[in-house]
Amino acid sequence: MKERTSLARYRPVLTIVVIGTLMASLFVASYSIALGRPVPRHVPTGIVGDQAREPALVEALQQATGGGLDLRPYPSVPAVTAAMNRQVISAALVLEPGRPRLLVCSACGASVAQILMRAAEQVNEQLAPGAAPPLRVTDVRPLPLNDPLGLVSFYVSIAATVLGFVGVFQLRQHAPHLSLREWLAVIAVLALVGGFSLTLVVDPLLHALDGPFLELWAGLAAQIAVAALFNSTMLVLFGRWAIIPTWLMFIAFGNAWSGGAVAPPLLPRVYAFVGRFMPSGATVNILHNAAYFRNAQPVEPMVVQALWLVGCLVALLVSVRVTGRRPTGKPTHPVTGS
């Protein structure tokens, strides 16, 4: 009898240890696969000119990148440059008369540009050891010195995510009296104030992410709100275990698949595709595009983030109505004595 009582006493401890270990293991596995093995998998690359002009060079470049270049013909250098400015392609190989050129775009993805530069060095050493390099590399859209690796948008999106879901946990702990309307009002204030503060830090104070203030603010505020609303929904559905789906959604998978630390062309195809439609990936793209592609910002990440914002709000309202519980854990209609 005492043994059963002792086991029952420590069962919650064992459960926490097992779940915590599994969550940490998933985190390591996800980040190791996504970020620890960045290799060219499907790099969209424009090509100007006839490949038959430099067959050895094209073959050597494909070998140096593990066959990861997806070559697409373009009629001219201005055409590939315009495509890179629209982020349709990440690089371009120019085989016009004269010395061949490899055009890279650090703003499109610094990790891709770095790998292609190293590949070009290998090609030059292979084709002309000790002689003038046959392939010249040009960065058509370099990153600024205050964000040389293009990681600031990734870092600040993580900060927004953490602020959103951690803030909700703190609300549940320290303000359990809040009604649903008050809860939503606090989330709105948290998103606006938190987004403003983070934008203030990365833009005018540190000049780490130089973009339109209102656009950066809106992107960060939306991410804070989405993380907070998602976690609120999980609190209604799963109570104290809400950390599990929230952690998996935003930290273990969302951040790793966002394309912020490693550009999408270097991620496994499934990661790159799914990451585009997750809140973290949309936020990274919104911030990065606002800073480095102001005149050619794609609409997709904005639509994705808006859908997540509306979807999480609707999911929260529906879950509260169905379960009869608020995110605080209290019933929506407290039972009063007769």
Protein backbone atom coordinates (compact mmCIF):
# COMPACT_ATOMS: atom_id res chain seq x y z
CA MET A 1 0.00 0.00 0.00
CA LYS A 2 2.82 2.37 0.90
CA GLU A 3 4.59 1.54 -2.38
CA ARG A 4 1.46 2.46 -4.37
CA THR A 5 1.09 5.68 -2.42
CA SER A 6 4.74 6.51 -3.03
CA LEU A 7 4.42 5.81 -6.77
CA ALA A 8 1.31 7.96 -7.00
CA ARG A 9 3.12 10.75 -5.20
CA TYR A 10 5.99 10.80 -7.68
CA ARG A 11 3.97 10.10 -10.82
CA PRO A 12 3.59 13.82 -11.69
CA VAL A 13 7.33 14.27 -11.25
CA LEU A 14 8.05 11.35 -13.57
CA THR A 15 5.55 12.69 -16.11
CA ILE A 16 7.20 16.11 -16.12
CA VAL A 17 10.68 14.62 -16.50
CA VAL A 18 9.61 12.41 -19.42
CA ILE A 19 7.68 15.15 -21.24
CA GLY A 20 10.43 17.72 -20.66
CA THR A 21 13.07 15.33 -21.98
CA LEU A 22 11.00 14.52 -25.07
CA MET A 23 10.38 18.21 -25.79
CA ALA A 24 14.08 19.01 -25.48
CA SER A 25 14.98 16.05 -27.69
CA LEU A 26 12.51 17.16 -30.37
CA PHE A 27 13.99 20.65 -30.19
CA VAL A 28 17.52 19.35 -30.74
CA ALA A 29 16.43 17.01 -33.55
CA SER A 30 14.44 19.71 -35.34
CA TYR A 31 17.20 22.31 -35.16
CA SER A 32 19.93 19.82 -36.06
CA ILE A 33 18.11 18.65 -39.18
CA ALA A 34 16.97 22.12 -40.26
CA LEU A 35 19.89 24.31 -39.21
CA GLY A 36 22.80 21.94 -38.67
CA ARG A 37 22.94 20.58 -42.23
CA PRO A 38 22.58 23.55 -44.59
CA VAL A 39 23.28 22.23 -48.08
CA PRO A 40 21.93 23.42 -51.45
CA ARG A 41 18.81 21.40 -52.16
CA HIS A 42 16.72 23.43 -54.58
CA VAL A 43 18.40 26.79 -55.12
CA PRO A 44 16.55 28.65 -57.90
CA THR A 45 19.34 29.94 -60.13
CA GLY A 46 19.00 31.96 -63.31
CA ILE A 47 21.31 31.33 -66.24
CA VAL A 48 22.04 33.80 -69.01
CA GLY A 49 23.65 32.48 -72.16
CA ASP A 50 24.24 29.05 -73.63
CA GLN A 51 25.42 26.34 -71.22
CA ALA A 52 27.31 24.78 -74.13
CA ARG A 53 29.63 27.78 -74.01
CA GLU A 54 31.07 26.66 -70.63
CA PRO A 55 30.07 23.02 -70.08
CA ALA A 56 32.99 22.24 -67.76
CA LEU A 57 32.27 25.25 -65.57
CA VAL A 58 28.55 24.50 -65.29
CA GLU A 59 29.28 20.87 -64.45
CA ALA A 60 31.91 21.83 -61.87
CA LEU A 61 29.54 24.31 -60.21
CA GLN A 62 26.79 21.71 -60.01
CA GLN A 63 29.24 19.23 -58.49
CA ALA A 64 30.44 21.80 -55.95
CA THR A 65 26.84 22.39 -54.85
CA GLY A 66 25.86 18.73 -54.84
CA GLY A 67 23.53 19.21 -57.79
CA GLY A 68 21.47 21.65 -55.76
CA LEU A 69 21.13 24.36 -58.40
CA ASP A 70 17.78 24.62 -60.17
CA LEU A 71 18.90 26.34 -63.39
CA ARG A 72 16.33 28.55 -65.11
CA PRO A 73 17.08 30.35 -68.41
CA TYR A 74 16.78 34.15 -68.60
CA PRO A 75 17.32 36.35 -71.66
CA SER A 76 19.60 38.98 -70.13
CA VAL A 77 21.46 40.20 -67.05
CA PRO A 78 18.81 42.89 -66.30
CA ALA A 79 16.17 40.14 -66.38
CA VAL A 80 17.96 37.97 -63.81
CA THR A 81 18.74 41.03 -61.67
CA ALA A 82 15.06 41.96 -61.65
CA ALA A 83 14.16 38.37 -60.74
CA MET A 84 16.61 38.44 -57.83
CA ASN A 85 15.14 41.74 -56.65
CA ARG A 86 11.73 40.03 -56.63
CA GLN A 87 13.28 37.02 -54.82
CA VAL A 88 12.18 34.70 -57.62
CA ILE A 89 15.74 33.36 -57.87
CA SER A 90 18.60 33.36 -55.37
CA ALA A 91 21.54 33.51 -57.79
CA ALA A 92 22.43 33.67 -61.47
CA LEU A 93 25.15 32.31 -63.73
CA VAL A 94 26.05 34.66 -66.58
CA LEU A 95 27.72 32.95 -69.57
CA GLU A 96 27.80 35.85 -71.99
CA PRO A 97 30.97 36.62 -74.01
CA GLY A 98 33.83 37.36 -71.67
CA ARG A 99 34.56 36.05 -68.22
CA PRO A 100 31.69 34.03 -66.67
CA ARG A 101 30.04 35.57 -63.62
CA LEU A 102 28.15 34.13 -60.68
CA LEU A 103 25.69 36.66 -59.29
CA VAL A 104 24.66 36.06 -55.68
CA CYS A 105 22.17 37.93 -53.50
CA SER A 106 23.00 38.08 -49.80
CA ALA A 107 19.73 39.88 -49.06
CA CYS A 108 17.84 36.96 -50.63
CA GLY A 109 19.60 34.59 -48.23
CA ALA A 110 23.01 35.15 -46.71
CA SER A 111 23.54 31.44 -46.05
CA VAL A 112 22.86 30.63 -49.72
CA ALA A 113 25.22 33.37 -50.90
CA GLN A 114 28.00 32.12 -48.62
CA ILE A 115 27.68 28.53 -49.82
CA LEU A 116 27.68 29.63 -53.46
CA MET A 117 30.77 31.77 -52.90
CA ARG A 118 32.57 28.77 -51.43
CA ALA A 119 31.39 26.64 -54.35
CA ALA A 120 32.79 29.22 -56.79
CA GLU A 121 36.15 29.04 -55.02
CA GLN A 122 36.16 25.26 -55.44
CA VAL A 123 35.31 25.64 -59.13
CA ASN A 124 38.14 28.12 -59.67
CA GLU A 125 40.63 25.86 -57.90
CA GLN A 126 39.45 22.87 -59.92
CA LEU A 127 39.45 24.51 -63.36
CA ALA A 128 42.39 26.90 -63.01
CA PRO A 129 44.67 26.01 -60.09
CA GLY A 130 47.22 28.74 -59.56
CA ALA A 131 45.90 30.80 -62.47
CA ALA A 132 43.39 33.61 -62.86
CA PRO A 133 40.00 32.35 -61.61
CA PRO A 134 37.63 31.69 -64.52
CA LEU A 135 34.49 32.44 -62.49
CA ARG A 136 33.95 35.88 -61.00
CA VAL A 137 31.49 36.33 -58.10
CA THR A 138 29.41 39.49 -57.62
CA ASP A 139 26.98 40.18 -54.78
CA VAL A 140 24.20 42.20 -56.41
CA ARG A 141 22.38 42.93 -53.15
CA PRO A 142 24.79 42.78 -50.19
CA LEU A 143 23.61 43.07 -46.61
CA PRO A 144 24.55 46.11 -44.50
CA LEU A 145 27.29 46.00 -41.87
CA ASN A 146 24.74 46.24 -39.06
CA ASP A 147 23.16 42.94 -40.18
CA PRO A 148 25.87 41.14 -42.19
CA LEU A 149 24.27 37.70 -41.86
CA GLY A 150 20.66 38.81 -42.18
CA LEU A 151 19.74 37.26 -38.83
CA VAL A 152 18.23 40.24 -37.01
CA SER A 153 14.73 39.56 -38.36
CA PHE A 154 15.03 35.98 -37.06
CA TYR A 155 16.22 37.05 -33.62
CA VAL A 156 13.57 39.71 -33.12
CA SER A 157 10.82 37.35 -34.29
CA ILE A 158 11.91 34.89 -31.59
CA ALA A 159 11.68 37.70 -29.03
CA ALA A 160 8.15 38.53 -30.21
CA THR A 161 7.13 34.87 -30.03
CA VAL A 162 8.46 34.41 -26.50
CA LEU A 163 6.84 37.64 -25.33
CA GLY A 164 3.50 36.48 -26.70
CA PHE A 165 3.22 33.06 -25.13
CA VAL A 166 5.18 33.74 -21.94
CA GLY A 167 3.06 36.83 -21.33
CA VAL A 168 -0.07 34.68 -21.52
CA PHE A 169 1.30 32.18 -19.00
CA GLN A 170 2.05 35.04 -16.63
CA LEU A 171 -1.45 36.44 -17.10
CA ARG A 172 -2.99 33.11 -16.18
CA GLN A 173 -0.83 32.91 -13.07
CA HIS A 174 -1.15 36.47 -11.80
CA ALA A 175 -4.48 37.74 -13.17
CA PRO A 176 -6.92 34.81 -12.97
CA HIS A 177 -9.85 37.19 -12.42
CA LEU A 178 -9.80 38.54 -15.98
CA SER A 179 -12.89 38.07 -18.12
CA LEU A 180 -12.45 36.93 -21.72
CA ARG A 181 -12.99 40.47 -22.98
CA GLU A 182 -10.38 41.81 -20.57
CA TRP A 183 -8.01 38.98 -21.52
CA LEU A 184 -8.26 39.90 -25.20
CA ALA A 185 -7.76 43.58 -24.38
CA VAL A 186 -4.58 42.78 -22.47
CA ILE A 187 -3.28 40.71 -25.41
CA ALA A 188 -3.96 43.65 -27.73
CA VAL A 189 -2.05 46.00 -25.43
CA LEU A 190 0.79 43.49 -25.06
CA ALA A 191 1.05 43.13 -28.84
CA LEU A 192 1.04 46.87 -29.51
CA VAL A 193 3.39 47.85 -26.69
CA GLY A 194 5.68 44.85 -27.17
CA GLY A 195 5.83 45.32 -30.93
CA PHE A 196 6.59 49.02 -30.51
CA SER A 197 9.34 48.32 -27.98
CA LEU A 198 11.04 45.65 -30.10
CA THR A 199 10.86 47.83 -33.20
CA LEU A 200 12.30 50.75 -31.25
CA VAL A 201 15.25 48.60 -30.19
CA VAL A 202 16.15 47.07 -33.56
CA ASP A 203 15.48 50.10 -35.74
CA PRO A 204 16.09 53.61 -34.35
CA LEU A 205 18.16 52.60 -31.31
CA LEU A 206 20.49 49.90 -32.68
CA HIS A 207 19.92 50.44 -36.42
CA ALA A 208 20.10 46.65 -36.72
CA LEU A 209 17.05 46.38 -38.98
CA ASP A 210 16.56 49.48 -41.08
CA GLY A 211 13.00 49.43 -42.39
CA PRO A 212 9.72 51.35 -42.30
CA PHE A 213 8.89 51.67 -38.59
CA LEU A 214 5.16 51.06 -38.97
CA GLU A 215 5.67 47.92 -41.07
CA LEU A 216 8.17 46.45 -38.62
CA TRP A 217 5.88 47.35 -35.72
CA ALA A 218 2.86 45.75 -37.39
CA GLY A 219 4.77 42.55 -38.19
CA LEU A 220 6.08 42.14 -34.65
CA ALA A 221 2.75 43.06 -33.04
CA ALA A 222 1.01 40.46 -35.20
CA GLN A 223 3.48 37.76 -34.15
CA ILE A 224 3.06 38.61 -30.46
CA ALA A 225 -0.73 38.48 -30.85
CA VAL A 226 -0.69 35.18 -32.77
CA ALA A 227 1.57 33.51 -30.19
CA ALA A 228 -0.58 34.85 -27.34
CA LEU A 229 -3.88 33.83 -28.95
CA PHE A 230 -2.60 30.38 -29.90
CA ASN A 231 -1.34 29.77 -26.37
CA SER A 232 -4.60 31.09 -24.93
CA THR A 233 -6.50 28.55 -27.02
CA MET A 234 -4.21 25.78 -25.83
CA LEU A 235 -4.77 26.89 -22.22
CA VAL A 236 -8.51 26.55 -22.71
CA LEU A 237 -8.17 23.11 -24.32
CA PHE A 238 -5.28 21.59 -22.37
CA GLY A 239 -4.86 23.73 -19.25
CA ARG A 240 -1.45 23.42 -17.62
CA TRP A 241 -0.18 21.26 -20.51
CA ALA A 242 -0.62 24.09 -23.02
CA ILE A 243 3.15 24.60 -23.07
CA ILE A 244 3.57 21.38 -25.08
CA PRO A 245 1.68 22.30 -28.29
CA THR A 246 2.78 25.94 -27.99
CA TRP A 247 6.45 24.98 -27.63
CA LEU A 248 6.25 22.57 -30.56
CA MET A 249 4.41 25.05 -32.76
CA PHE A 250 6.58 28.11 -32.22
CA ILE A 251 9.94 26.96 -30.86
CA ALA A 252 10.76 23.37 -31.79
CA PHE A 253 9.37 23.55 -35.33
CA GLY A 254 8.24 27.09 -36.12
CA ASN A 255 11.54 28.88 -35.59
CA ALA A 256 13.64 26.09 -37.09
CA TRP A 257 11.53 25.98 -40.26
CA SER A 258 11.07 29.75 -40.61
CA GLY A 259 13.97 30.26 -43.01
CA GLY A 260 15.40 32.94 -40.74
CA ALA A 261 18.63 31.27 -39.65
CA VAL A 262 19.07 29.10 -42.75
CA ALA A 263 17.52 30.23 -46.03
CA PRO A 264 14.68 28.06 -47.40
CA PRO A 265 16.70 26.74 -50.41
CA LEU A 266 19.04 25.07 -47.90
CA LEU A 267 16.28 23.48 -45.83
CA PRO A 268 14.69 20.09 -46.50
CA ARG A 269 11.87 20.63 -48.99
CA VAL A 270 9.12 19.80 -46.49
CA TYR A 271 10.57 22.22 -43.93
CA ALA A 272 10.88 25.00 -46.50
CA PHE A 273 7.33 24.52 -47.78
CA VAL A 274 5.61 24.25 -44.39
CA GLY A 275 7.71 27.06 -42.91
CA ARG A 276 6.27 29.54 -45.43
CA PHE A 277 2.81 29.03 -43.97
CA MET A 278 3.69 29.10 -40.28
CA PRO A 279 3.51 32.29 -38.18
CA SER A 280 7.25 32.43 -37.48
CA GLY A 281 8.15 32.02 -41.15
CA ALA A 282 5.66 34.69 -42.18
CA THR A 283 6.99 37.11 -39.57
CA VAL A 284 10.62 36.60 -40.58
CA ASN A 285 9.69 37.23 -44.21
CA ILE A 286 7.65 40.33 -43.39
CA LEU A 287 10.48 41.88 -41.37
CA HIS A 288 13.21 40.89 -43.82
CA ASN A 289 11.27 42.14 -46.84
CA ALA A 290 10.42 45.42 -45.13
CA ALA A 291 14.10 46.03 -44.46
CA TYR A 292 15.71 44.81 -47.69
CA PHE A 293 13.00 44.61 -50.38
CA ARG A 294 10.82 47.64 -49.70
CA ASN A 295 9.84 48.11 -53.35
CA ALA A 296 9.10 44.46 -54.08
CA GLN A 297 7.43 42.99 -51.01
CA PRO A 298 5.45 39.80 -51.69
CA VAL A 299 1.91 39.69 -50.32
CA GLU A 300 2.00 36.02 -49.27
CA PRO A 301 3.59 36.39 -45.79
CA MET A 302 1.19 39.21 -44.90
CA VAL A 303 -1.80 37.10 -45.92
CA VAL A 304 -0.44 34.11 -43.99
CA GLN A 305 0.04 36.14 -40.82
CA ALA A 306 -3.41 37.74 -41.14
CA LEU A 307 -5.02 34.31 -41.52
CA TRP A 308 -3.18 33.03 -38.44
CA LEU A 309 -4.27 36.08 -36.46
CA VAL A 310 -7.93 35.71 -37.38
CA GLY A 311 -7.83 31.92 -37.13
CA CYS A 312 -6.32 31.90 -33.64
CA LEU A 313 -8.84 34.48 -32.44
CA VAL A 314 -11.75 32.45 -33.81
CA ALA A 315 -10.29 29.23 -32.36
CA LEU A 316 -10.02 30.87 -28.93
CA LEU A 317 -13.61 32.15 -28.99
CA VAL A 318 -14.96 28.79 -30.16
CA SER A 319 -12.94 26.80 -27.60
CA VAL A 320 -14.14 29.05 -24.77
CA ARG A 321 -17.74 28.66 -25.89
CA VAL A 322 -17.52 24.87 -26.29
CA THR A 323 -15.62 24.11 -23.07
CA GLY A 324 -17.15 26.82 -20.90
CA ARG A 325 -13.67 27.75 -19.65
CA ARG A 326 -11.65 30.93 -19.97
CA PRO A 327 -7.87 30.93 -20.59
CA THR A 328 -7.48 31.70 -16.90
CA GLY A 329 -8.92 28.27 -16.11
CA LYS A 330 -12.04 29.77 -14.57
CA PRO A 331 -15.53 28.97 -15.90
CA THR A 332 -17.11 31.53 -18.21
CA HIS A 333 -20.15 31.72 -15.96
CA PRO A 334 -19.10 31.31 -12.31
CA VAL A 335 -21.47 29.22 -10.23
CA THR A 336 -23.04 31.31 -7.47
CA GLY A 337 -24.60 30.04 -4.30
CA SER A 338 -28.40 30.03 -3.96
